[in-house]
Amino acid sequence: MLSISELSKDRQLLSGFSLYLRPAINRLKYKMILRNPLLDSIKENYPEVFGAMWIASSVFEKHFGMRISEEEIGYIVLHICAGIERSK
């Protein structure tokens, strides 16, 4: 299994995720929802990663006071899974 340490070395993952993050935080801040048409497929194909990110989102919510929607979690999962695929 790929570790967080190995994923953190993926420059493409870090770059792509950082580009995603600023607009995502603005959406959370202003309670905007970006529909994720792939959400059902993401949940079906990557249940472990989705579940882990769901748990991580609760930590984020407690710390920052903003709830991450399932839609946004789905987009985060895509970034992480792309990094996992690149590592193979």
C-alpha atoms as a PDB file:
ATOM      1  CA  MET A   1       0.000   0.000   0.000  1.00  0.00           C
ATOM      2  CA  LEU A   2       1.199   3.485  -0.853  1.00  0.00           C
ATOM      3  CA  SER A   3       2.062   5.696   2.108  1.00  0.00           C
ATOM      4  CA  ILE A   4       1.238   9.352   2.656  1.00  0.00           C
ATOM      5  CA  SER A   5       4.975  10.014   2.617  1.00  0.00           C
ATOM      6  CA  GLU A   6       5.257   8.567  -0.887  1.00  0.00           C
ATOM      7  CA  LEU A   7       2.238  10.535  -2.116  1.00  0.00           C
ATOM      8  CA  SER A   8       3.709  13.748  -0.721  1.00  0.00           C
ATOM      9  CA  LYS A   9       6.661  13.346  -3.118  1.00  0.00           C
ATOM     10  CA  ASP A  10       4.355  13.419  -6.165  1.00  0.00           C
ATOM     11  CA  ARG A  11       4.942  16.922  -7.548  1.00  0.00           C
ATOM     12  CA  GLN A  12       2.066  16.618 -10.015  1.00  0.00           C
ATOM     13  CA  LEU A  13      -0.317  15.698  -7.188  1.00  0.00           C
ATOM     14  CA  LEU A  14       0.862  18.600  -5.040  1.00  0.00           C
ATOM     15  CA  SER A  15       0.633  21.054  -7.926  1.00  0.00           C
ATOM     16  CA  GLY A  16      -2.814  19.917  -9.051  1.00  0.00           C
ATOM     17  CA  PHE A  17      -4.183  19.781  -5.529  1.00  0.00           C
ATOM     18  CA  SER A  18      -2.874  23.235  -4.678  1.00  0.00           C
ATOM     19  CA  LEU A  19      -4.579  24.635  -7.802  1.00  0.00           C
ATOM     20  CA  TYR A  20      -7.808  22.942  -6.730  1.00  0.00           C
ATOM     21  CA  LEU A  21      -7.596  24.021  -3.089  1.00  0.00           C
ATOM     22  CA  ARG A  22      -7.939  27.822  -3.246  1.00  0.00           C
ATOM     23  CA  PRO A  23     -11.224  27.819  -5.215  1.00  0.00           C
ATOM     24  CA  ALA A  24     -12.473  24.898  -3.088  1.00  0.00           C
ATOM     25  CA  ILE A  25     -11.878  26.851   0.116  1.00  0.00           C
ATOM     26  CA  ASN A  26     -13.713  29.833  -1.371  1.00  0.00           C
ATOM     27  CA  ARG A  27     -16.651  27.565  -2.249  1.00  0.00           C
ATOM     28  CA  LEU A  28     -16.717  26.291   1.345  1.00  0.00           C
ATOM     29  CA  LYS A  29     -16.402  29.783   2.769  1.00  0.00           C
ATOM     30  CA  TYR A  30     -19.313  31.103   0.697  1.00  0.00           C
ATOM     31  CA  LYS A  31     -21.350  27.875   0.947  1.00  0.00           C
ATOM     32  CA  MET A  32     -21.277  27.296  -2.791  1.00  0.00           C
ATOM     33  CA  ILE A  33     -21.757  23.785  -4.126  1.00  0.00           C
ATOM     34  CA  LEU A  34     -19.949  22.558  -7.195  1.00  0.00           C
ATOM     35  CA  ARG A  35     -21.836  19.549  -8.503  1.00  0.00           C
ATOM     36  CA  ASN A  36     -19.651  16.506  -9.053  1.00  0.00           C
ATOM     37  CA  PRO A  37     -21.200  14.406 -11.839  1.00  0.00           C
ATOM     38  CA  LEU A  38     -18.731  11.595 -11.082  1.00  0.00           C
ATOM     39  CA  LEU A  39     -19.591  11.318  -7.384  1.00  0.00           C
ATOM     40  CA  ASP A  40     -21.509   8.025  -7.536  1.00  0.00           C
ATOM     41  CA  SER A  41     -18.799   6.447  -9.678  1.00  0.00           C
ATOM     42  CA  ILE A  42     -16.045   7.722  -7.368  1.00  0.00           C
ATOM     43  CA  LYS A  43     -17.810   6.312  -4.293  1.00  0.00           C
ATOM     44  CA  GLU A  44     -18.322   2.984  -6.048  1.00  0.00           C
ATOM     45  CA  ASN A  45     -14.800   2.623  -7.475  1.00  0.00           C
ATOM     46  CA  TYR A  46     -12.749   4.108  -4.614  1.00  0.00           C
ATOM     47  CA  PRO A  47     -14.705   3.371  -1.420  1.00  0.00           C
ATOM     48  CA  GLU A  48     -11.617   3.091   0.813  1.00  0.00           C
ATOM     49  CA  VAL A  49     -10.139   6.414  -0.287  1.00  0.00           C
ATOM     50  CA  PHE A  50     -13.550   8.095  -0.138  1.00  0.00           C
ATOM     51  CA  GLY A  51     -14.116   6.748   3.380  1.00  0.00           C
ATOM     52  CA  ALA A  52     -10.705   7.919   4.550  1.00  0.00           C
ATOM     53  CA  MET A  53     -11.316  11.384   3.128  1.00  0.00           C
ATOM     54  CA  TRP A  54     -14.772  11.490   4.723  1.00  0.00           C
ATOM     55  CA  ILE A  55     -13.126  10.870   8.111  1.00  0.00           C
ATOM     56  CA  ALA A  56     -10.417  13.449   7.376  1.00  0.00           C
ATOM     57  CA  SER A  57     -13.102  15.975   6.444  1.00  0.00           C
ATOM     58  CA  SER A  58     -14.548  15.750   9.957  1.00  0.00           C
ATOM     59  CA  VAL A  59     -11.160  16.784  11.367  1.00  0.00           C
ATOM     60  CA  PHE A  60     -11.085  19.704   8.917  1.00  0.00           C
ATOM     61  CA  GLU A  61     -14.606  20.690   9.975  1.00  0.00           C
ATOM     62  CA  LYS A  62     -13.704  20.675  13.677  1.00  0.00           C
ATOM     63  CA  HIS A  63     -10.557  22.714  13.092  1.00  0.00           C
ATOM     64  CA  PHE A  64     -11.819  25.255  10.536  1.00  0.00           C
ATOM     65  CA  GLY A  65     -15.566  25.221  11.166  1.00  0.00           C
ATOM     66  CA  MET A  66     -16.378  24.485   7.517  1.00  0.00           C
ATOM     67  CA  ARG A  67     -18.034  21.279   6.351  1.00  0.00           C
ATOM     68  CA  ILE A  68     -16.627  19.695   3.200  1.00  0.00           C
ATOM     69  CA  SER A  69     -19.430  18.401   0.977  1.00  0.00           C
ATOM     70  CA  GLU A  70     -19.448  14.931  -0.548  1.00  0.00           C
ATOM     71  CA  GLU A  71     -19.040  16.656  -3.909  1.00  0.00           C
ATOM     72  CA  GLU A  72     -15.739  18.239  -2.831  1.00  0.00           C
ATOM     73  CA  ILE A  73     -14.578  15.035  -1.152  1.00  0.00           C
ATOM     74  CA  GLY A  74     -15.119  13.307  -4.492  1.00  0.00           C
ATOM     75  CA  TYR A  75     -12.836  15.798  -6.241  1.00  0.00           C
ATOM     76  CA  ILE A  76     -10.172  15.331  -3.552  1.00  0.00           C
ATOM     77  CA  VAL A  77     -10.411  11.555  -3.996  1.00  0.00           C
ATOM     78  CA  LEU A  78      -9.772  11.971  -7.733  1.00  0.00           C
ATOM     79  CA  HIS A  79      -6.561  13.877  -7.011  1.00  0.00           C
ATOM     80  CA  ILE A  80      -5.371  11.242  -4.546  1.00  0.00           C
ATOM     81  CA  CYS A  81      -6.273   8.311  -6.804  1.00  0.00           C
ATOM     82  CA  ALA A  82      -4.465   9.932  -9.733  1.00  0.00           C
ATOM     83  CA  GLY A  83      -1.367  10.120  -7.525  1.00  0.00           C
ATOM     84  CA  ILE A  84      -1.781   6.466  -6.566  1.00  0.00           C
ATOM     85  CA  GLU A  85      -2.074   5.465 -10.231  1.00  0.00           C
ATOM     86  CA  ARG A  86       1.050   7.443 -11.156  1.00  0.00           C
ATOM     87  CA  SER A  87       3.011   5.628  -8.463  1.00  0.00           C
ATOM     88  CA  LYS A  88       2.304   2.205  -9.998  1.00  0.00           C
END
